[in-house]
Amino acid sequence: MMMRAMTVGLLCFALGCSASADDRPKPIAVLKGIGKRPSAPFKAPDGWIARWKFEEKCYYFRIVDAKTDERLSMVANSSSGLSPTGKKFFEKGGEFKIIPVTSGPWQFTIEKFEFKD
């Protein structure tokens, strides 16, 4: 069942599906900051989604293990023509922190991925 949910979820993301804010699960964490200050550590279950919003169109961030600093993901956006918002699905749960590189405000919303038949 988990494999089916991940496959459908990944397919939905690849096709650009989006749920309305009312359909989204309650956030696990909402993290906000300004500039390069790392987020507080947060715990995420297996199968989670990170949604981000940067005020600057030029940004870079890493999501790392909160204890070892091992990189889970890296996203860079240095083109002013691209959107400063995005989302990404993560299969592996754990305790993480976000390390942003930007000059302006940023926000991350962490959600549990829920498959709905």
N, C-alpha and C. Protein backbone atom coordinates (compact mmCIF):
# COMPACT_ATOMS: atom_id res chain seq x y z
N MET A 1 0.82 -1.19 0.00
CA MET A 1 0.00 0.00 0.00
C MET A 1 0.87 1.26 0.00
N MET A 2 1.94 1.26 0.82
CA MET A 2 2.83 2.43 0.90
C MET A 2 3.48 2.69 -0.46
N MET A 3 3.89 1.62 -1.14
CA MET A 3 4.53 1.78 -2.45
C MET A 3 3.54 2.39 -3.45
N ARG A 4 2.28 1.94 -3.40
CA ARG A 4 1.25 2.49 -4.29
C ARG A 4 1.05 3.98 -4.01
N ALA A 5 0.97 4.33 -2.74
CA ALA A 5 0.77 5.74 -2.38
C ALA A 5 1.93 6.59 -2.86
N MET A 6 3.16 6.10 -2.70
CA MET A 6 4.32 6.86 -3.13
C MET A 6 4.33 7.01 -4.65
N THR A 7 3.98 5.93 -5.36
CA THR A 7 3.96 5.98 -6.82
C THR A 7 2.92 6.98 -7.31
N VAL A 8 1.72 6.92 -6.75
CA VAL A 8 0.67 7.85 -7.15
C VAL A 8 1.06 9.27 -6.77
N GLY A 9 1.64 9.44 -5.59
CA GLY A 9 2.06 10.76 -5.14
C GLY A 9 3.12 11.35 -6.04
N LEU A 10 4.11 10.55 -6.40
CA LEU A 10 5.17 11.04 -7.29
C LEU A 10 4.62 11.37 -8.67
N LEU A 11 3.71 10.54 -9.15
CA LEU A 11 3.09 10.80 -10.44
C LEU A 11 2.31 12.11 -10.39
N CYS A 12 1.58 12.31 -9.32
CA CYS A 12 0.79 13.54 -9.18
C CYS A 12 1.71 14.76 -9.18
N PHE A 13 2.83 14.69 -8.45
CA PHE A 13 3.78 15.81 -8.43
C PHE A 13 4.37 16.03 -9.81
N ALA A 14 4.70 14.96 -10.53
CA ALA A 14 5.29 15.09 -11.86
C ALA A 14 4.31 15.75 -12.83
N LEU A 15 3.02 15.48 -12.64
CA LEU A 15 2.01 16.04 -13.53
C LEU A 15 1.52 17.41 -13.08
N GLY A 16 2.00 17.87 -11.93
CA GLY A 16 1.63 19.20 -11.47
C GLY A 16 0.31 19.25 -10.72
N CYS A 17 -0.15 18.12 -10.18
CA CYS A 17 -1.39 18.13 -9.41
C CYS A 17 -1.19 18.96 -8.16
N SER A 18 -2.24 19.59 -7.71
CA SER A 18 -2.16 20.32 -6.46
C SER A 18 -3.50 20.27 -5.76
N ALA A 19 -3.43 20.15 -4.45
CA ALA A 19 -4.65 20.16 -3.65
C ALA A 19 -4.89 21.58 -3.17
N SER A 20 -6.14 21.89 -2.95
CA SER A 20 -6.43 23.20 -2.37
C SER A 20 -5.95 23.21 -0.93
N ALA A 21 -5.81 24.39 -0.36
CA ALA A 21 -5.35 24.50 1.02
C ALA A 21 -6.28 23.76 1.96
N ASP A 22 -7.57 23.68 1.64
CA ASP A 22 -8.53 22.97 2.49
C ASP A 22 -8.32 21.47 2.46
N ASP A 23 -7.79 20.93 1.35
CA ASP A 23 -7.57 19.50 1.21
C ASP A 23 -6.25 19.03 1.81
N ARG A 24 -5.38 19.94 2.11
CA ARG A 24 -4.06 19.56 2.62
C ARG A 24 -4.16 19.11 4.07
N PRO A 25 -3.28 18.16 4.45
CA PRO A 25 -3.26 17.75 5.86
C PRO A 25 -2.75 18.87 6.75
N LYS A 26 -3.06 18.77 8.03
CA LYS A 26 -2.57 19.75 9.00
C LYS A 26 -1.04 19.71 9.00
N PRO A 27 -0.38 20.88 8.97
CA PRO A 27 1.09 20.88 8.94
C PRO A 27 1.71 20.23 10.18
N ILE A 28 2.80 19.53 9.95
CA ILE A 28 3.61 18.98 11.04
C ILE A 28 4.41 20.11 11.66
N ALA A 29 4.90 21.00 10.80
CA ALA A 29 5.71 22.13 11.27
C ALA A 29 5.61 23.26 10.26
N VAL A 30 5.66 24.48 10.76
CA VAL A 30 5.77 25.67 9.93
C VAL A 30 7.01 26.40 10.43
N LEU A 31 7.99 26.53 9.55
CA LEU A 31 9.29 27.11 9.90
C LEU A 31 9.48 28.41 9.13
N LYS A 32 9.86 29.46 9.83
CA LYS A 32 10.06 30.77 9.20
C LYS A 32 11.39 31.35 9.63
N GLY A 33 11.96 32.17 8.75
CA GLY A 33 13.21 32.83 9.08
C GLY A 33 13.53 33.92 8.08
N ILE A 34 14.66 34.55 8.32
CA ILE A 34 15.17 35.58 7.42
C ILE A 34 16.64 35.29 7.18
N GLY A 35 17.03 35.32 5.93
CA GLY A 35 18.44 35.15 5.59
C GLY A 35 18.95 33.74 5.78
N LYS A 36 20.20 33.64 6.23
CA LYS A 36 20.92 32.37 6.25
C LYS A 36 20.80 31.58 7.55
N ARG A 37 20.00 32.02 8.49
CA ARG A 37 19.87 31.31 9.77
C ARG A 37 19.14 29.98 9.57
N PRO A 38 19.75 28.84 10.01
CA PRO A 38 19.09 27.54 9.86
C PRO A 38 17.80 27.46 10.68
N SER A 39 16.91 26.60 10.25
CA SER A 39 15.66 26.39 10.98
C SER A 39 15.93 25.59 12.25
N ALA A 40 14.96 25.59 13.12
CA ALA A 40 14.98 24.70 14.27
C ALA A 40 14.81 23.27 13.74
N PRO A 41 15.32 22.27 14.44
CA PRO A 41 15.09 20.89 14.01
C PRO A 41 13.60 20.56 14.04
N PHE A 42 13.18 19.70 13.12
CA PHE A 42 11.79 19.23 13.09
C PHE A 42 11.79 17.74 12.80
N LYS A 43 10.76 17.06 13.29
CA LYS A 43 10.60 15.63 13.04
C LYS A 43 9.55 15.42 11.97
N ALA A 44 9.88 14.54 11.02
CA ALA A 44 8.96 14.23 9.93
C ALA A 44 8.82 12.71 9.83
N PRO A 45 7.60 12.24 9.57
CA PRO A 45 7.38 10.80 9.41
C PRO A 45 7.83 10.34 8.03
N ASP A 46 7.87 9.03 7.83
CA ASP A 46 8.11 8.52 6.48
C ASP A 46 7.00 9.04 5.58
N GLY A 47 7.37 9.54 4.41
CA GLY A 47 6.40 10.06 3.46
C GLY A 47 5.92 11.45 3.83
N TRP A 48 6.74 12.47 3.59
CA TRP A 48 6.38 13.84 3.94
C TRP A 48 6.68 14.77 2.78
N ILE A 49 6.08 15.96 2.87
CA ILE A 49 6.22 16.97 1.83
C ILE A 49 6.74 18.26 2.45
N ALA A 50 7.71 18.86 1.79
CA ALA A 50 8.18 20.20 2.17
C ALA A 50 7.66 21.17 1.13
N ARG A 51 6.98 22.21 1.59
CA ARG A 51 6.53 23.30 0.71
C ARG A 51 7.29 24.55 1.15
N TRP A 52 7.83 25.30 0.20
CA TRP A 52 8.61 26.47 0.58
C TRP A 52 8.16 27.71 -0.17
N LYS A 53 8.48 28.84 0.45
CA LYS A 53 8.23 30.14 -0.16
C LYS A 53 9.35 31.07 0.27
N PHE A 54 10.00 31.67 -0.71
CA PHE A 54 11.05 32.65 -0.47
C PHE A 54 10.58 33.99 -1.01
N GLU A 55 10.93 35.05 -0.32
CA GLU A 55 10.60 36.40 -0.82
C GLU A 55 11.55 36.79 -1.96
N GLU A 56 12.77 36.29 -1.90
CA GLU A 56 13.77 36.55 -2.95
C GLU A 56 13.64 35.49 -4.03
N LYS A 57 13.84 35.87 -5.27
CA LYS A 57 13.77 34.89 -6.36
C LYS A 57 15.07 34.12 -6.52
N CYS A 58 16.11 34.57 -5.87
CA CYS A 58 17.40 33.88 -5.91
C CYS A 58 17.64 33.25 -4.55
N TYR A 59 17.65 31.94 -4.49
CA TYR A 59 17.83 31.25 -3.21
C TYR A 59 18.44 29.88 -3.41
N TYR A 60 18.85 29.30 -2.32
CA TYR A 60 19.44 27.97 -2.28
C TYR A 60 19.13 27.43 -0.90
N PHE A 61 18.84 26.15 -0.79
CA PHE A 61 18.70 25.56 0.54
C PHE A 61 19.04 24.08 0.52
N ARG A 62 19.39 23.61 1.69
CA ARG A 62 19.64 22.18 1.92
C ARG A 62 18.74 21.72 3.04
N ILE A 63 18.26 20.51 2.94
CA ILE A 63 17.59 19.85 4.06
C ILE A 63 18.56 18.79 4.53
N VAL A 64 18.94 18.86 5.82
CA VAL A 64 19.96 17.97 6.35
C VAL A 64 19.46 17.24 7.60
N ASP A 65 20.08 16.11 7.89
CA ASP A 65 19.82 15.39 9.13
C ASP A 65 20.22 16.30 10.29
N ALA A 66 19.34 16.45 11.27
CA ALA A 66 19.59 17.39 12.37
C ALA A 66 20.77 16.99 13.24
N LYS A 67 21.11 15.70 13.28
CA LYS A 67 22.20 15.23 14.14
C LYS A 67 23.54 15.13 13.42
N THR A 68 23.51 14.68 12.15
CA THR A 68 24.77 14.41 11.44
C THR A 68 25.09 15.45 10.36
N ASP A 69 24.15 16.31 10.03
CA ASP A 69 24.28 17.27 8.93
C ASP A 69 24.40 16.60 7.56
N GLU A 70 24.08 15.30 7.47
CA GLU A 70 24.09 14.62 6.19
C GLU A 70 22.97 15.20 5.33
N ARG A 71 23.30 15.55 4.10
CA ARG A 71 22.33 16.20 3.21
C ARG A 71 21.28 15.21 2.72
N LEU A 72 20.02 15.57 2.90
CA LEU A 72 18.91 14.79 2.37
C LEU A 72 18.52 15.32 0.99
N SER A 73 18.58 16.63 0.84
CA SER A 73 18.17 17.25 -0.42
C SER A 73 18.81 18.63 -0.56
N MET A 74 18.93 19.06 -1.79
CA MET A 74 19.43 20.40 -2.07
C MET A 74 18.59 20.97 -3.21
N VAL A 75 18.19 22.22 -3.07
CA VAL A 75 17.44 22.91 -4.12
C VAL A 75 18.08 24.27 -4.32
N ALA A 76 18.34 24.62 -5.56
CA ALA A 76 18.91 25.93 -5.86
C ALA A 76 18.05 26.59 -6.92
N ASN A 77 17.85 27.88 -6.77
CA ASN A 77 17.11 28.66 -7.75
C ASN A 77 17.82 29.99 -7.89
N SER A 78 18.58 30.14 -8.94
CA SER A 78 19.33 31.39 -9.12
C SER A 78 18.83 32.19 -10.31
N SER A 79 17.72 31.79 -10.88
CA SER A 79 17.18 32.50 -12.04
C SER A 79 15.99 33.36 -11.60
N SER A 80 16.02 34.61 -11.92
CA SER A 80 14.94 35.51 -11.52
C SER A 80 13.63 35.20 -12.24
N GLY A 81 13.67 34.37 -13.26
CA GLY A 81 12.46 34.03 -13.99
C GLY A 81 11.67 32.88 -13.38
N LEU A 82 12.22 32.22 -12.38
CA LEU A 82 11.54 31.07 -11.78
C LEU A 82 10.80 31.48 -10.51
N SER A 83 9.81 30.70 -10.16
CA SER A 83 8.99 30.97 -8.98
C SER A 83 9.78 30.74 -7.69
N PRO A 84 9.58 31.57 -6.69
CA PRO A 84 10.25 31.38 -5.40
C PRO A 84 9.49 30.42 -4.48
N THR A 85 8.54 29.68 -5.05
CA THR A 85 7.80 28.69 -4.26
C THR A 85 8.02 27.32 -4.86
N GLY A 86 7.83 26.29 -4.04
CA GLY A 86 7.98 24.93 -4.55
C GLY A 86 7.58 23.91 -3.52
N LYS A 87 7.68 22.65 -3.91
CA LYS A 87 7.36 21.55 -3.02
C LYS A 87 8.15 20.32 -3.44
N LYS A 88 8.38 19.44 -2.48
CA LYS A 88 9.12 18.22 -2.77
C LYS A 88 8.67 17.13 -1.82
N PHE A 89 8.55 15.89 -2.34
CA PHE A 89 8.18 14.72 -1.55
C PHE A 89 9.44 14.02 -1.05
N PHE A 90 9.41 13.57 0.21
CA PHE A 90 10.52 12.82 0.80
C PHE A 90 9.99 11.50 1.35
N GLU A 91 10.64 10.42 0.99
CA GLU A 91 10.23 9.10 1.45
C GLU A 91 10.69 8.83 2.87
N LYS A 92 11.91 9.22 3.19
CA LYS A 92 12.54 8.90 4.47
C LYS A 92 12.17 9.92 5.55
N GLY A 93 11.70 9.42 6.68
CA GLY A 93 11.41 10.28 7.82
C GLY A 93 12.63 10.42 8.72
N GLY A 94 12.54 11.28 9.72
CA GLY A 94 13.62 11.49 10.66
C GLY A 94 13.55 12.87 11.26
N GLU A 95 14.68 13.31 11.81
CA GLU A 95 14.76 14.66 12.36
C GLU A 95 15.69 15.47 11.47
N PHE A 96 15.18 16.59 10.98
CA PHE A 96 15.89 17.37 9.98
C PHE A 96 15.94 18.85 10.37
N LYS A 97 16.75 19.59 9.62
CA LYS A 97 16.74 21.05 9.70
C LYS A 97 16.99 21.58 8.30
N ILE A 98 16.58 22.81 8.09
CA ILE A 98 16.72 23.46 6.79
C ILE A 98 17.79 24.52 6.89
N ILE A 99 18.70 24.50 5.93
CA ILE A 99 19.78 25.50 5.89
C ILE A 99 19.57 26.33 4.63
N PRO A 100 19.00 27.53 4.78
CA PRO A 100 18.74 28.38 3.62
C PRO A 100 19.91 29.32 3.33
N VAL A 101 20.01 29.73 2.10
CA VAL A 101 20.96 30.78 1.71
C VAL A 101 20.16 31.77 0.87
N THR A 102 19.81 32.88 1.49
CA THR A 102 19.03 33.92 0.85
C THR A 102 19.20 35.20 1.66
N SER A 103 18.76 36.30 1.14
CA SER A 103 18.87 37.54 1.91
C SER A 103 17.53 37.98 2.50
N GLY A 104 16.45 37.35 2.09
CA GLY A 104 15.14 37.77 2.56
C GLY A 104 14.43 36.73 3.40
N PRO A 105 13.16 36.98 3.69
CA PRO A 105 12.36 36.05 4.48
C PRO A 105 12.07 34.75 3.71
N TRP A 106 11.88 33.67 4.46
CA TRP A 106 11.53 32.37 3.90
C TRP A 106 10.57 31.66 4.85
N GLN A 107 9.83 30.68 4.28
CA GLN A 107 8.91 29.87 5.07
C GLN A 107 8.85 28.46 4.49
N PHE A 108 8.85 27.46 5.36
CA PHE A 108 8.66 26.07 4.99
C PHE A 108 7.48 25.52 5.76
N THR A 109 6.64 24.77 5.06
CA THR A 109 5.55 24.04 5.70
C THR A 109 5.83 22.56 5.47
N ILE A 110 5.87 21.79 6.56
CA ILE A 110 6.13 20.36 6.49
C ILE A 110 4.81 19.64 6.71
N GLU A 111 4.46 18.73 5.79
CA GLU A 111 3.20 18.01 5.86
C GLU A 111 3.42 16.51 5.68
N LYS A 112 2.58 15.71 6.29
CA LYS A 112 2.55 14.27 6.06
C LYS A 112 1.83 14.03 4.74
N PHE A 113 2.43 13.23 3.85
CA PHE A 113 1.76 12.91 2.60
C PHE A 113 0.65 11.92 2.89
N GLU A 114 -0.56 12.23 2.40
CA GLU A 114 -1.70 11.35 2.60
C GLU A 114 -2.28 11.00 1.25
N PHE A 115 -2.36 9.72 0.98
CA PHE A 115 -2.96 9.24 -0.25
C PHE A 115 -4.46 9.07 -0.04
N LYS A 116 -5.25 9.64 -0.93
CA LYS A 116 -6.71 9.53 -0.82
C LYS A 116 -7.23 8.79 -2.04
N ASP A 117 -7.95 7.71 -1.81
CA ASP A 117 -8.56 6.94 -2.91
C ASP A 117 -9.71 7.69 -3.51
